[in-house]
Amino acid sequence: MGAPGLLNLLTDVPGLAVGHAADERLRSGVSIVLPASRAACAVDVRGGGSGTRETDLLRPEASVQAVDAVCLSGGSAFGLDAASGAMHWLAERRRGVEVRGHVVPIVPAAILFDLHNGGDKDWGAEPPYRLLGRRACDTATTGAFPLGNAGAGFGAMAGQIKGGLGSASWVEDDGLVIAAMVAVNAVGSVLTPGNRSFWAAPWEQNGEFGGLPFAAAAVDLGIAAEARIARPVAGSHTCIGIVATNAPLDKAALRQVSIMAHDGLARAVRPVHTPFDGDTLFALATATWQDTEGAADRSWLIARVGSIAADCVARAVARGVWAAEPLGQLESACNVMAAAGKF
């Protein structure tokens, strides 16, 4: 048994801070996850249009065993500069892996494509993402943080409506904590046909994204109608995110957790993992939880964390879109669902 955490955010995982920075003129932004101390991390990448940095280091056989931050950014490949900003911010604070007297922060990153959302992308010779990465680190907090038009989700879209940044958590009775944070920029739709409800509605907790009952209409077995309005361009969408836990898991175990967590995207977005998406989920463990009952063998703990992580991802997707506000030509889910007669 369990329930959403006190904040119902990624920061319910002890030892994690989250920071965001965005540029309203640019219609883009950056989100940073900062563990209090170096933490084990893994990743699973799906879809045909991913953009990542330092993910090879997260392979179980790679020598680096922990990371210093995880960066999520808009800006397509330009947004990978945000990780450089975070890296230098960390280096100034002597946070990183020691290599022959030098400190090298390890900051894996993933990006989403938000270049076509109407923002001013004429940034000249110096893209702004490195600075946004530093600013996101400056704002990192272990407390509450905003959802919707925030951080990496600031300029995101979900199908044909405004996407956003979402988060959700779960705390088991024995103190095990699992949470997710996702920037939703999918080519698929988060709403059922006719915009009648969220696909993730069966996993909703305490009305966290409107409390509307699941109401699926007849399902088109092809690509959802919302995604057929215009032919997408490969690599022009993507959901990126992170699941985290206080369980003592290593990179190999977290790799399995990140694989299982992708089921949450499949519950919340239709279609998902397409050639137009580069869906990427990191999994991170702070290892502050102790199994005092001695009941959590490794395989069972992986299955338990991964299963709950998938539910948190589905909830985070819907929460991010529910919290998003209209931006330019992009309508919010609230407005679209109201027009469909849901309110």
C-alpha atoms as a PDB file:
ATOM      1  CA  MET A   1       0.000   0.000   0.000  1.00  0.00           C
ATOM      2  CA  GLY A   2       1.018   3.577  -0.478  1.00  0.00           C
ATOM      3  CA  ALA A   3       0.006   7.037  -1.678  1.00  0.00           C
ATOM      4  CA  PRO A   4       1.363  10.026  -3.597  1.00  0.00           C
ATOM      5  CA  GLY A   5       4.123  11.817  -1.738  1.00  0.00           C
ATOM      6  CA  LEU A   6       3.649  15.053   0.160  1.00  0.00           C
ATOM      7  CA  LEU A   7       4.589  17.172  -2.868  1.00  0.00           C
ATOM      8  CA  ASN A   8       3.590  14.634  -5.537  1.00  0.00           C
ATOM      9  CA  LEU A   9       6.804  15.618  -7.307  1.00  0.00           C
ATOM     10  CA  LEU A  10      10.229  14.199  -8.102  1.00  0.00           C
ATOM     11  CA  THR A  11      11.578  16.024  -5.048  1.00  0.00           C
ATOM     12  CA  ASP A  12       9.664  13.612  -2.809  1.00  0.00           C
ATOM     13  CA  VAL A  13      12.662  11.342  -3.374  1.00  0.00           C
ATOM     14  CA  PRO A  14      15.044  12.234  -0.525  1.00  0.00           C
ATOM     15  CA  GLY A  15      18.284  13.767  -1.709  1.00  0.00           C
ATOM     16  CA  LEU A  16      17.035  15.248  -4.993  1.00  0.00           C
ATOM     17  CA  ALA A  17      16.791  18.895  -6.014  1.00  0.00           C
ATOM     18  CA  VAL A  18      15.141  20.097  -9.222  1.00  0.00           C
ATOM     19  CA  GLY A  19      15.685  23.405 -11.015  1.00  0.00           C
ATOM     20  CA  HIS A  20      14.133  25.031 -14.060  1.00  0.00           C
ATOM     21  CA  ALA A  21      14.939  27.949 -16.336  1.00  0.00           C
ATOM     22  CA  ALA A  22      13.004  29.193 -19.367  1.00  0.00           C
ATOM     23  CA  ASP A  23      13.038  32.013 -21.877  1.00  0.00           C
ATOM     24  CA  GLU A  24       9.550  33.254 -22.762  1.00  0.00           C
ATOM     25  CA  ARG A  25      10.738  34.990 -25.945  1.00  0.00           C
ATOM     26  CA  LEU A  26      12.531  31.831 -27.022  1.00  0.00           C
ATOM     27  CA  ARG A  27       9.635  29.584 -25.911  1.00  0.00           C
ATOM     28  CA  SER A  28      12.054  27.015 -24.605  1.00  0.00           C
ATOM     29  CA  GLY A  29      13.697  25.970 -21.378  1.00  0.00           C
ATOM     30  CA  VAL A  30      15.818  23.597 -19.317  1.00  0.00           C
ATOM     31  CA  SER A  31      15.250  21.351 -16.300  1.00  0.00           C
ATOM     32  CA  ILE A  32      18.027  20.002 -14.071  1.00  0.00           C
ATOM     33  CA  VAL A  33      17.930  17.182 -11.517  1.00  0.00           C
ATOM     34  CA  LEU A  34      20.680  17.475  -8.899  1.00  0.00           C
ATOM     35  CA  PRO A  35      21.284  14.639  -6.420  1.00  0.00           C
ATOM     36  CA  ALA A  36      22.784  15.676  -3.103  1.00  0.00           C
ATOM     37  CA  SER A  37      25.603  13.216  -3.734  1.00  0.00           C
ATOM     38  CA  ARG A  38      26.674  11.269  -6.799  1.00  0.00           C
ATOM     39  CA  ALA A  39      24.001   8.744  -7.765  1.00  0.00           C
ATOM     40  CA  ALA A  40      23.712   5.638  -9.923  1.00  0.00           C
ATOM     41  CA  CYS A  41      21.882   6.272 -13.188  1.00  0.00           C
ATOM     42  CA  ALA A  42      20.759   4.395 -16.310  1.00  0.00           C
ATOM     43  CA  VAL A  43      18.786   5.223 -19.443  1.00  0.00           C
ATOM     44  CA  ASP A  44      16.505   3.666 -22.040  1.00  0.00           C
ATOM     45  CA  VAL A  45      15.994   5.404 -25.408  1.00  0.00           C
ATOM     46  CA  ARG A  46      13.150   4.584 -27.804  1.00  0.00           C
ATOM     47  CA  GLY A  47      11.730   6.031 -30.996  1.00  0.00           C
ATOM     48  CA  GLY A  48      13.593   7.152 -34.067  1.00  0.00           C
ATOM     49  CA  GLY A  49      14.661  10.716 -33.310  1.00  0.00           C
ATOM     50  CA  SER A  50      16.572  10.887 -30.025  1.00  0.00           C
ATOM     51  CA  GLY A  51      19.107  13.504 -28.979  1.00  0.00           C
ATOM     52  CA  THR A  52      21.298  12.642 -25.987  1.00  0.00           C
ATOM     53  CA  ARG A  53      24.637  13.268 -24.310  1.00  0.00           C
ATOM     54  CA  GLU A  54      26.826  11.023 -22.093  1.00  0.00           C
ATOM     55  CA  THR A  55      24.388   8.108 -22.326  1.00  0.00           C
ATOM     56  CA  ASP A  56      27.147   5.621 -23.270  1.00  0.00           C
ATOM     57  CA  LEU A  57      28.636   6.161 -19.800  1.00  0.00           C
ATOM     58  CA  LEU A  58      25.396   4.841 -18.317  1.00  0.00           C
ATOM     59  CA  ARG A  59      25.887   1.358 -19.786  1.00  0.00           C
ATOM     60  CA  PRO A  60      26.301  -1.168 -16.946  1.00  0.00           C
ATOM     61  CA  GLU A  61      29.792  -2.147 -18.169  1.00  0.00           C
ATOM     62  CA  ALA A  62      31.044   1.464 -18.348  1.00  0.00           C
ATOM     63  CA  SER A  63      33.549   2.468 -15.685  1.00  0.00           C
ATOM     64  CA  VAL A  64      31.734   5.570 -14.400  1.00  0.00           C
ATOM     65  CA  GLN A  65      29.318   4.362 -11.737  1.00  0.00           C
ATOM     66  CA  ALA A  66      27.441   7.542 -10.831  1.00  0.00           C
ATOM     67  CA  VAL A  67      26.321  10.912 -12.170  1.00  0.00           C
ATOM     68  CA  ASP A  68      26.267  14.425 -10.745  1.00  0.00           C
ATOM     69  CA  ALA A  69      23.143  15.704 -12.499  1.00  0.00           C
ATOM     70  CA  VAL A  70      20.665  14.889 -15.252  1.00  0.00           C
ATOM     71  CA  CYS A  71      19.688  17.569 -17.762  1.00  0.00           C
ATOM     72  CA  LEU A  72      16.474  17.803 -19.806  1.00  0.00           C
ATOM     73  CA  SER A  73      16.269  20.566 -22.391  1.00  0.00           C
ATOM     74  CA  GLY A  74      14.315  22.009 -25.264  1.00  0.00           C
ATOM     75  CA  GLY A  75      16.101  23.357 -28.303  1.00  0.00           C
ATOM     76  CA  SER A  76      16.738  20.161 -30.249  1.00  0.00           C
ATOM     77  CA  ALA A  77      20.490  19.460 -30.601  1.00  0.00           C
ATOM     78  CA  PHE A  78      21.268  23.058 -29.614  1.00  0.00           C
ATOM     79  CA  GLY A  79      19.805  22.245 -26.193  1.00  0.00           C
ATOM     80  CA  LEU A  80      22.602  19.789 -25.432  1.00  0.00           C
ATOM     81  CA  ASP A  81      24.653  22.880 -24.524  1.00  0.00           C
ATOM     82  CA  ALA A  82      22.543  23.103 -21.360  1.00  0.00           C
ATOM     83  CA  ALA A  83      24.458  20.145 -19.937  1.00  0.00           C
ATOM     84  CA  SER A  84      27.702  22.090 -20.461  1.00  0.00           C
ATOM     85  CA  GLY A  85      26.288  24.934 -18.392  1.00  0.00           C
ATOM     86  CA  ALA A  86      25.339  22.516 -15.621  1.00  0.00           C
ATOM     87  CA  MET A  87      28.721  20.819 -15.861  1.00  0.00           C
ATOM     88  CA  HIS A  88      30.635  24.055 -15.317  1.00  0.00           C
ATOM     89  CA  TRP A  89      28.277  25.050 -12.481  1.00  0.00           C
ATOM     90  CA  LEU A  90      29.089  21.769 -10.759  1.00  0.00           C
ATOM     91  CA  ALA A  91      32.822  22.028 -11.455  1.00  0.00           C
ATOM     92  CA  GLU A  92      32.936  25.416  -9.764  1.00  0.00           C
ATOM     93  CA  ARG A  93      31.616  23.660  -6.660  1.00  0.00           C
ATOM     94  CA  ARG A  94      34.082  20.755  -6.959  1.00  0.00           C
ATOM     95  CA  ARG A  95      31.275  18.283  -7.617  1.00  0.00           C
ATOM     96  CA  GLY A  96      32.191  15.440  -9.942  1.00  0.00           C
ATOM     97  CA  VAL A  97      34.442  12.437 -10.413  1.00  0.00           C
ATOM     98  CA  GLU A  98      38.090  12.865  -9.414  1.00  0.00           C
ATOM     99  CA  VAL A  99      40.496  12.203 -12.296  1.00  0.00           C
ATOM    100  CA  ARG A 100      44.179  12.798 -11.518  1.00  0.00           C
ATOM    101  CA  GLY A 101      43.474  15.852  -9.411  1.00  0.00           C
ATOM    102  CA  HIS A 102      40.783  17.232 -11.688  1.00  0.00           C
ATOM    103  CA  VAL A 103      37.041  17.228 -11.030  1.00  0.00           C
ATOM    104  CA  VAL A 104      34.906  16.173 -13.996  1.00  0.00           C
ATOM    105  CA  PRO A 105      31.133  16.414 -13.468  1.00  0.00           C
ATOM    106  CA  ILE A 106      29.097  13.740 -15.259  1.00  0.00           C
ATOM    107  CA  VAL A 107      25.868  15.213 -16.649  1.00  0.00           C
ATOM    108  CA  PRO A 108      23.896  12.992 -19.034  1.00  0.00           C
ATOM    109  CA  ALA A 109      21.249  14.858 -21.005  1.00  0.00           C
ATOM    110  CA  ALA A 110      18.350  14.487 -23.400  1.00  0.00           C
ATOM    111  CA  ILE A 111      16.640  17.067 -25.603  1.00  0.00           C
ATOM    112  CA  LEU A 112      13.273  17.599 -27.236  1.00  0.00           C
ATOM    113  CA  PHE A 113      12.404  19.499 -30.399  1.00  0.00           C
ATOM    114  CA  ASP A 114      10.596  22.799 -29.786  1.00  0.00           C
ATOM    115  CA  LEU A 115      12.078  24.886 -32.597  1.00  0.00           C
ATOM    116  CA  HIS A 116       8.774  25.192 -34.476  1.00  0.00           C
ATOM    117  CA  ASN A 117       6.571  26.569 -31.688  1.00  0.00           C
ATOM    118  CA  GLY A 118       6.686  30.224 -32.764  1.00  0.00           C
ATOM    119  CA  GLY A 119       9.412  31.394 -30.394  1.00  0.00           C
ATOM    120  CA  ASP A 120      12.280  33.614 -31.509  1.00  0.00           C
ATOM    121  CA  LYS A 121      15.083  31.183 -32.354  1.00  0.00           C
ATOM    122  CA  ASP A 122      17.289  33.808 -33.998  1.00  0.00           C
ATOM    123  CA  TRP A 123      19.916  33.617 -31.270  1.00  0.00           C
ATOM    124  CA  GLY A 124      22.930  34.388 -33.457  1.00  0.00           C
ATOM    125  CA  ALA A 125      26.337  32.863 -32.802  1.00  0.00           C
ATOM    126  CA  GLU A 126      25.656  31.722 -29.230  1.00  0.00           C
ATOM    127  CA  PRO A 127      22.603  29.553 -28.451  1.00  0.00           C
ATOM    128  CA  PRO A 128      21.235  30.402 -24.988  1.00  0.00           C
ATOM    129  CA  TYR A 129      21.069  26.887 -23.572  1.00  0.00           C
ATOM    130  CA  ARG A 130      24.393  26.871 -21.741  1.00  0.00           C
ATOM    131  CA  LEU A 131      23.250  29.898 -19.755  1.00  0.00           C
ATOM    132  CA  LEU A 132      19.828  28.341 -19.190  1.00  0.00           C
ATOM    133  CA  GLY A 133      21.552  25.240 -17.829  1.00  0.00           C
ATOM    134  CA  ARG A 134      23.431  27.336 -15.268  1.00  0.00           C
ATOM    135  CA  ARG A 135      20.285  29.240 -14.347  1.00  0.00           C
ATOM    136  CA  ALA A 136      18.406  25.991 -13.823  1.00  0.00           C
ATOM    137  CA  CYS A 137      21.109  24.837 -11.398  1.00  0.00           C
ATOM    138  CA  ASP A 138      20.867  28.150  -9.521  1.00  0.00           C
ATOM    139  CA  THR A 139      17.137  27.623  -8.967  1.00  0.00           C
ATOM    140  CA  ALA A 140      17.343  23.968  -7.860  1.00  0.00           C
ATOM    141  CA  THR A 141      15.201  23.198  -4.831  1.00  0.00           C
ATOM    142  CA  THR A 142      14.330  20.152  -2.763  1.00  0.00           C
ATOM    143  CA  GLY A 143      10.821  21.557  -2.357  1.00  0.00           C
ATOM    144  CA  ALA A 144       7.922  22.290  -4.692  1.00  0.00           C
ATOM    145  CA  PHE A 145       8.520  23.309  -8.292  1.00  0.00           C
ATOM    146  CA  PRO A 146       6.158  24.441 -11.074  1.00  0.00           C
ATOM    147  CA  LEU A 147       4.553  22.190 -13.684  1.00  0.00           C
ATOM    148  CA  GLY A 148       3.178  22.866 -17.157  1.00  0.00           C
ATOM    149  CA  ASN A 149       4.925  25.757 -18.919  1.00  0.00           C
ATOM    150  CA  ALA A 150       8.152  25.279 -16.996  1.00  0.00           C
ATOM    151  CA  GLY A 151      11.699  24.196 -17.690  1.00  0.00           C
ATOM    152  CA  ALA A 152      12.139  21.712 -20.524  1.00  0.00           C
ATOM    153  CA  GLY A 153       8.372  21.637 -20.989  1.00  0.00           C
ATOM    154  CA  PHE A 154       7.985  25.375 -21.499  1.00  0.00           C
ATOM    155  CA  GLY A 155       7.637  25.229 -25.285  1.00  0.00           C
ATOM    156  CA  ALA A 156       6.534  21.614 -25.656  1.00  0.00           C
ATOM    157  CA  MET A 157       3.463  20.358 -27.478  1.00  0.00           C
ATOM    158  CA  ALA A 158       1.485  17.141 -27.058  1.00  0.00           C
ATOM    159  CA  GLY A 159      -0.165  16.078 -30.271  1.00  0.00           C
ATOM    160  CA  GLN A 160      -1.842  19.273 -31.414  1.00  0.00           C
ATOM    161  CA  ILE A 161      -2.158  20.931 -27.970  1.00  0.00           C
ATOM    162  CA  LYS A 162       0.227  22.509 -25.476  1.00  0.00           C
ATOM    163  CA  GLY A 163       2.507  20.012 -23.793  1.00  0.00           C
ATOM    164  CA  GLY A 164       4.387  20.652 -20.611  1.00  0.00           C
ATOM    165  CA  LEU A 165       6.451  19.478 -17.682  1.00  0.00           C
ATOM    166  CA  GLY A 166       4.785  17.010 -15.336  1.00  0.00           C
ATOM    167  CA  SER A 167       5.744  15.108 -12.218  1.00  0.00           C
ATOM    168  CA  ALA A 168       4.231  12.549  -9.864  1.00  0.00           C
ATOM    169  CA  SER A 169       5.387  10.431  -6.929  1.00  0.00           C
ATOM    170  CA  TRP A 170       4.475   7.383  -4.874  1.00  0.00           C
ATOM    171  CA  VAL A 171       5.492   6.506  -1.297  1.00  0.00           C
ATOM    172  CA  GLU A 172       5.072   2.950  -0.060  1.00  0.00           C
ATOM    173  CA  ASP A 173       4.212   2.211   3.568  1.00  0.00           C
ATOM    174  CA  ASP A 174       7.738   0.929   4.204  1.00  0.00           C
ATOM    175  CA  GLY A 175       9.295   4.217   3.046  1.00  0.00           C
ATOM    176  CA  LEU A 176      10.242   3.212  -0.494  1.00  0.00           C
ATOM    177  CA  VAL A 177       9.793   6.265  -2.744  1.00  0.00           C
ATOM    178  CA  ILE A 178       9.453   6.328  -6.534  1.00  0.00           C
ATOM    179  CA  ALA A 179       8.786   9.421  -8.641  1.00  0.00           C
ATOM    180  CA  ALA A 180       8.876  10.675 -12.225  1.00  0.00           C
ATOM    181  CA  MET A 181       9.321  13.952 -14.072  1.00  0.00           C
ATOM    182  CA  VAL A 182       8.532  14.152 -17.802  1.00  0.00           C
ATOM    183  CA  ALA A 183       8.671  16.896 -20.424  1.00  0.00           C
ATOM    184  CA  VAL A 184       5.811  15.995 -22.763  1.00  0.00           C
ATOM    185  CA  ASN A 185       6.434  16.852 -26.413  1.00  0.00           C
ATOM    186  CA  ALA A 186       4.899  13.796 -28.108  1.00  0.00           C
ATOM    187  CA  VAL A 187       3.685  13.464 -31.674  1.00  0.00           C
ATOM    188  CA  GLY A 188       0.871  11.331 -30.259  1.00  0.00           C
ATOM    189  CA  SER A 189      -2.108  12.508 -28.251  1.00  0.00           C
ATOM    190  CA  VAL A 190      -2.515  12.369 -24.483  1.00  0.00           C
ATOM    191  CA  LEU A 191      -6.302  12.648 -24.922  1.00  0.00           C
ATOM    192  CA  THR A 192      -8.713   9.930 -25.993  1.00  0.00           C
ATOM    193  CA  PRO A 193     -10.589  10.333 -29.315  1.00  0.00           C
ATOM    194  CA  GLY A 194     -12.880  13.345 -29.205  1.00  0.00           C
ATOM    195  CA  ASN A 195     -10.760  14.876 -26.415  1.00  0.00           C
ATOM    196  CA  ARG A 196     -12.988  13.194 -23.865  1.00  0.00           C
ATOM    197  CA  SER A 197     -10.408  12.247 -21.231  1.00  0.00           C
ATOM    198  CA  PHE A 198      -6.739  11.544 -20.617  1.00  0.00           C
ATOM    199  CA  TRP A 199      -5.452   8.145 -21.694  1.00  0.00           C
ATOM    200  CA  ALA A 200      -3.752   8.082 -18.264  1.00  0.00           C
ATOM    201  CA  ALA A 201      -7.062   8.583 -16.390  1.00  0.00           C
ATOM    202  CA  PRO A 202      -7.153   5.037 -14.908  1.00  0.00           C
ATOM    203  CA  TRP A 203      -3.936   5.787 -12.989  1.00  0.00           C
ATOM    204  CA  GLU A 204      -4.962   9.213 -11.655  1.00  0.00           C
ATOM    205  CA  GLN A 205      -4.614   9.859  -7.919  1.00  0.00           C
ATOM    206  CA  ASN A 206      -6.726  12.326  -5.942  1.00  0.00           C
ATOM    207  CA  GLY A 207      -7.902  14.307  -8.964  1.00  0.00           C
ATOM    208  CA  GLU A 208      -4.344  15.355  -9.806  1.00  0.00           C
ATOM    209  CA  PHE A 209      -5.207  16.063 -13.452  1.00  0.00           C
ATOM    210  CA  GLY A 210      -8.835  17.076 -13.288  1.00  0.00           C
ATOM    211  CA  GLY A 211     -10.556  13.983 -11.946  1.00  0.00           C
ATOM    212  CA  LEU A 212     -12.322  13.274 -15.250  1.00  0.00           C
ATOM    213  CA  PRO A 213     -13.389   9.647 -15.655  1.00  0.00           C
ATOM    214  CA  PHE A 214     -11.846   7.579 -18.430  1.00  0.00           C
ATOM    215  CA  ALA A 215     -14.058   7.864 -21.492  1.00  0.00           C
ATOM    216  CA  ALA A 216     -12.577   6.166 -24.526  1.00  0.00           C
ATOM    217  CA  ALA A 217     -14.471   6.531 -27.772  1.00  0.00           C
ATOM    218  CA  ALA A 218     -14.181   4.048 -30.628  1.00  0.00           C
ATOM    219  CA  VAL A 219     -10.440   3.775 -31.202  1.00  0.00           C
ATOM    220  CA  ASP A 220      -8.992   4.195 -34.667  1.00  0.00           C
ATOM    221  CA  LEU A 221      -6.512   1.362 -35.101  1.00  0.00           C
ATOM    222  CA  GLY A 222      -4.307   3.651 -37.189  1.00  0.00           C
ATOM    223  CA  ILE A 223      -2.449   6.685 -35.890  1.00  0.00           C
ATOM    224  CA  ALA A 224      -4.612   8.805 -33.606  1.00  0.00           C
ATOM    225  CA  ALA A 225      -6.565  11.522 -35.434  1.00  0.00           C
ATOM    226  CA  GLU A 226      -4.839  14.290 -33.508  1.00  0.00           C
ATOM    227  CA  ALA A 227      -1.479  13.129 -34.872  1.00  0.00           C
ATOM    228  CA  ARG A 228      -2.745  12.813 -38.457  1.00  0.00           C
ATOM    229  CA  ILE A 229      -3.665  16.482 -38.870  1.00  0.00           C
ATOM    230  CA  ALA A 230      -0.222  17.259 -40.250  1.00  0.00           C
ATOM    231  CA  ARG A 231       2.504  14.856 -41.317  1.00  0.00           C
ATOM    232  CA  PRO A 232       5.213  15.021 -38.632  1.00  0.00           C
ATOM    233  CA  VAL A 233       8.911  15.365 -39.366  1.00  0.00           C
ATOM    234  CA  ALA A 234      11.218  12.688 -38.005  1.00  0.00           C
ATOM    235  CA  GLY A 235      12.920  13.802 -34.793  1.00  0.00           C
ATOM    236  CA  SER A 236      10.586  16.753 -34.294  1.00  0.00           C
ATOM    237  CA  HIS A 237       8.888  15.592 -31.097  1.00  0.00           C
ATOM    238  CA  THR A 238       9.873  13.419 -28.078  1.00  0.00           C
ATOM    239  CA  CYS A 239       9.024  12.840 -24.423  1.00  0.00           C
ATOM    240  CA  ILE A 240      12.058  13.039 -22.148  1.00  0.00           C
ATOM    241  CA  GLY A 241      12.126  12.411 -18.446  1.00  0.00           C
ATOM    242  CA  ILE A 242      13.573  10.814 -15.379  1.00  0.00           C
ATOM    243  CA  VAL A 243      12.312   8.319 -12.828  1.00  0.00           C
ATOM    244  CA  ALA A 244      13.978   8.256  -9.448  1.00  0.00           C
ATOM    245  CA  THR A 245      13.895   6.194  -6.283  1.00  0.00           C
ATOM    246  CA  ASN A 246      15.523   6.046  -2.881  1.00  0.00           C
ATOM    247  CA  ALA A 247      16.107   2.290  -3.350  1.00  0.00           C
ATOM    248  CA  PRO A 248      19.730   1.040  -3.364  1.00  0.00           C
ATOM    249  CA  LEU A 249      19.934   0.062  -7.042  1.00  0.00           C
ATOM    250  CA  ASP A 250      22.987  -0.007  -9.314  1.00  0.00           C
ATOM    251  CA  LYS A 251      23.214   0.870 -13.013  1.00  0.00           C
ATOM    252  CA  ALA A 252      22.280  -2.603 -14.216  1.00  0.00           C
ATOM    253  CA  ALA A 253      19.152  -2.675 -12.051  1.00  0.00           C
ATOM    254  CA  LEU A 254      18.237   0.879 -13.041  1.00  0.00           C
ATOM    255  CA  ARG A 255      18.497  -0.045 -16.698  1.00  0.00           C
ATOM    256  CA  GLN A 256      15.659  -2.526 -16.144  1.00  0.00           C
ATOM    257  CA  VAL A 257      13.691   0.127 -14.239  1.00  0.00           C
ATOM    258  CA  SER A 258      14.052   2.590 -17.112  1.00  0.00           C
ATOM    259  CA  ILE A 259      12.819  -0.064 -19.566  1.00  0.00           C
ATOM    260  CA  MET A 260       9.762  -0.773 -17.416  1.00  0.00           C
ATOM    261  CA  ALA A 261       9.115   2.955 -16.931  1.00  0.00           C
ATOM    262  CA  HIS A 262       8.521   3.370 -20.674  1.00  0.00           C
ATOM    263  CA  ASP A 263       5.278   1.448 -20.197  1.00  0.00           C
ATOM    264  CA  GLY A 264       4.018   4.600 -18.514  1.00  0.00           C
ATOM    265  CA  LEU A 265       4.493   6.546 -21.728  1.00  0.00           C
ATOM    266  CA  ALA A 266       2.539   3.867 -23.585  1.00  0.00           C
ATOM    267  CA  ARG A 267      -0.328   4.230 -21.077  1.00  0.00           C
ATOM    268  CA  ALA A 268      -0.447   8.005 -21.424  1.00  0.00           C
ATOM    269  CA  VAL A 269       0.381   8.776 -25.082  1.00  0.00           C
ATOM    270  CA  ARG A 270      -0.974   7.288 -28.298  1.00  0.00           C
ATOM    271  CA  PRO A 271       0.906   6.566 -30.526  1.00  0.00           C
ATOM    272  CA  VAL A 272       4.261   6.448 -28.744  1.00  0.00           C
ATOM    273  CA  HIS A 273       7.880   5.550 -29.599  1.00  0.00           C
ATOM    274  CA  THR A 274       7.306   6.481 -33.233  1.00  0.00           C
ATOM    275  CA  PRO A 275       9.958   7.347 -35.846  1.00  0.00           C
ATOM    276  CA  PHE A 276       9.130  10.991 -35.062  1.00  0.00           C
ATOM    277  CA  ASP A 277       9.885  10.660 -31.341  1.00  0.00           C
ATOM    278  CA  GLY A 278      13.128  10.096 -29.455  1.00  0.00           C
ATOM    279  CA  ASP A 279      11.529   9.086 -26.162  1.00  0.00           C
ATOM    280  CA  THR A 280      14.201   8.919 -23.464  1.00  0.00           C
ATOM    281  CA  LEU A 281      13.823   8.028 -19.791  1.00  0.00           C
ATOM    282  CA  PHE A 282      16.640   8.134 -17.249  1.00  0.00           C
ATOM    283  CA  ALA A 283      16.460   6.173 -13.996  1.00  0.00           C
ATOM    284  CA  LEU A 284      18.326   7.390 -10.923  1.00  0.00           C
ATOM    285  CA  ALA A 285      18.735   5.998  -7.382  1.00  0.00           C
ATOM    286  CA  THR A 286      19.759   7.944  -4.286  1.00  0.00           C
ATOM    287  CA  ALA A 287      20.080   4.721  -2.227  1.00  0.00           C
ATOM    288  CA  THR A 288      18.880   6.268   1.044  1.00  0.00           C
ATOM    289  CA  TRP A 289      16.199   3.623   1.738  1.00  0.00           C
ATOM    290  CA  GLN A 290      16.903   0.599   3.887  1.00  0.00           C
ATOM    291  CA  ASP A 291      14.764  -2.531   3.697  1.00  0.00           C
ATOM    292  CA  THR A 292      14.350  -3.066   7.426  1.00  0.00           C
ATOM    293  CA  GLU A 293      12.049  -6.037   6.872  1.00  0.00           C
ATOM    294  CA  GLY A 294      14.608  -7.825   4.698  1.00  0.00           C
ATOM    295  CA  ALA A 295      11.944  -8.728   2.165  1.00  0.00           C
ATOM    296  CA  ALA A 296      13.293  -7.000  -0.944  1.00  0.00           C
ATOM    297  CA  ASP A 297      15.568  -9.351  -2.845  1.00  0.00           C
ATOM    298  CA  ARG A 298      17.164  -7.660  -5.838  1.00  0.00           C
ATOM    299  CA  SER A 299      14.893  -9.013  -8.578  1.00  0.00           C
ATOM    300  CA  TRP A 300      11.744  -8.317  -6.604  1.00  0.00           C
ATOM    301  CA  LEU A 301      12.908  -4.798  -5.763  1.00  0.00           C
ATOM    302  CA  ILE A 302      13.627  -4.038  -9.432  1.00  0.00           C
ATOM    303  CA  ALA A 303      10.184  -5.293 -10.447  1.00  0.00           C
ATOM    304  CA  ARG A 304       8.521  -3.332  -7.661  1.00  0.00           C
ATOM    305  CA  VAL A 305      10.292  -0.067  -8.440  1.00  0.00           C
ATOM    306  CA  GLY A 306       9.851  -0.440 -12.208  1.00  0.00           C
ATOM    307  CA  SER A 307       6.140  -1.167 -11.949  1.00  0.00           C
ATOM    308  CA  ILE A 308       5.454   1.847  -9.764  1.00  0.00           C
ATOM    309  CA  ALA A 309       7.749   4.012 -11.905  1.00  0.00           C
ATOM    310  CA  ALA A 310       5.620   3.240 -14.976  1.00  0.00           C
ATOM    311  CA  ASP A 311       2.489   4.378 -13.143  1.00  0.00           C
ATOM    312  CA  CYS A 312       4.259   7.576 -12.038  1.00  0.00           C
ATOM    313  CA  VAL A 313       5.346   8.295 -15.615  1.00  0.00           C
ATOM    314  CA  ALA A 314       1.762   7.966 -16.891  1.00  0.00           C
ATOM    315  CA  ARG A 315       0.510  10.299 -14.165  1.00  0.00           C
ATOM    316  CA  ALA A 316       3.363  12.783 -14.753  1.00  0.00           C
ATOM    317  CA  VAL A 317       2.531  12.989 -18.467  1.00  0.00           C
ATOM    318  CA  ALA A 318      -1.104  13.883 -17.796  1.00  0.00           C
ATOM    319  CA  ARG A 319      -0.214  16.272 -14.960  1.00  0.00           C
ATOM    320  CA  GLY A 320       2.197  18.157 -17.200  1.00  0.00           C
ATOM    321  CA  VAL A 321      -0.348  18.637 -19.969  1.00  0.00           C
ATOM    322  CA  TRP A 322      -3.165  19.422 -17.513  1.00  0.00           C
ATOM    323  CA  ALA A 323      -1.042  22.170 -15.901  1.00  0.00           C
ATOM    324  CA  ALA A 324       0.092  23.664 -19.215  1.00  0.00           C
ATOM    325  CA  GLU A 325      -1.247  27.042 -20.285  1.00  0.00           C
ATOM    326  CA  PRO A 326      -1.895  28.178 -23.878  1.00  0.00           C
ATOM    327  CA  LEU A 327       1.181  29.382 -25.721  1.00  0.00           C
ATOM    328  CA  GLY A 328       0.955  31.103 -29.080  1.00  0.00           C
ATOM    329  CA  GLN A 329      -1.131  28.949 -31.394  1.00  0.00           C
ATOM    330  CA  LEU A 330      -1.133  26.026 -28.961  1.00  0.00           C
ATOM    331  CA  GLU A 331      -4.324  25.580 -26.924  1.00  0.00           C
ATOM    332  CA  SER A 332      -4.245  24.057 -23.470  1.00  0.00           C
ATOM    333  CA  ALA A 333      -5.811  20.700 -22.659  1.00  0.00           C
ATOM    334  CA  CYS A 334      -8.246  22.480 -20.347  1.00  0.00           C
ATOM    335  CA  ASN A 335      -9.544  24.646 -23.195  1.00  0.00           C
ATOM    336  CA  VAL A 336      -9.702  21.756 -25.656  1.00  0.00           C
ATOM    337  CA  MET A 337     -11.548  19.504 -23.237  1.00  0.00           C
ATOM    338  CA  ALA A 338     -13.930  22.309 -22.306  1.00  0.00           C
ATOM    339  CA  ALA A 339     -14.749  22.756 -25.992  1.00  0.00           C
ATOM    340  CA  ALA A 340     -15.473  19.031 -26.179  1.00  0.00           C
ATOM    341  CA  GLY A 341     -18.075  19.462 -23.426  1.00  0.00           C
ATOM    342  CA  LYS A 342     -16.149  17.834 -20.597  1.00  0.00           C
ATOM    343  CA  PHE A 343     -16.722  20.720 -18.120  1.00  0.00           C
END
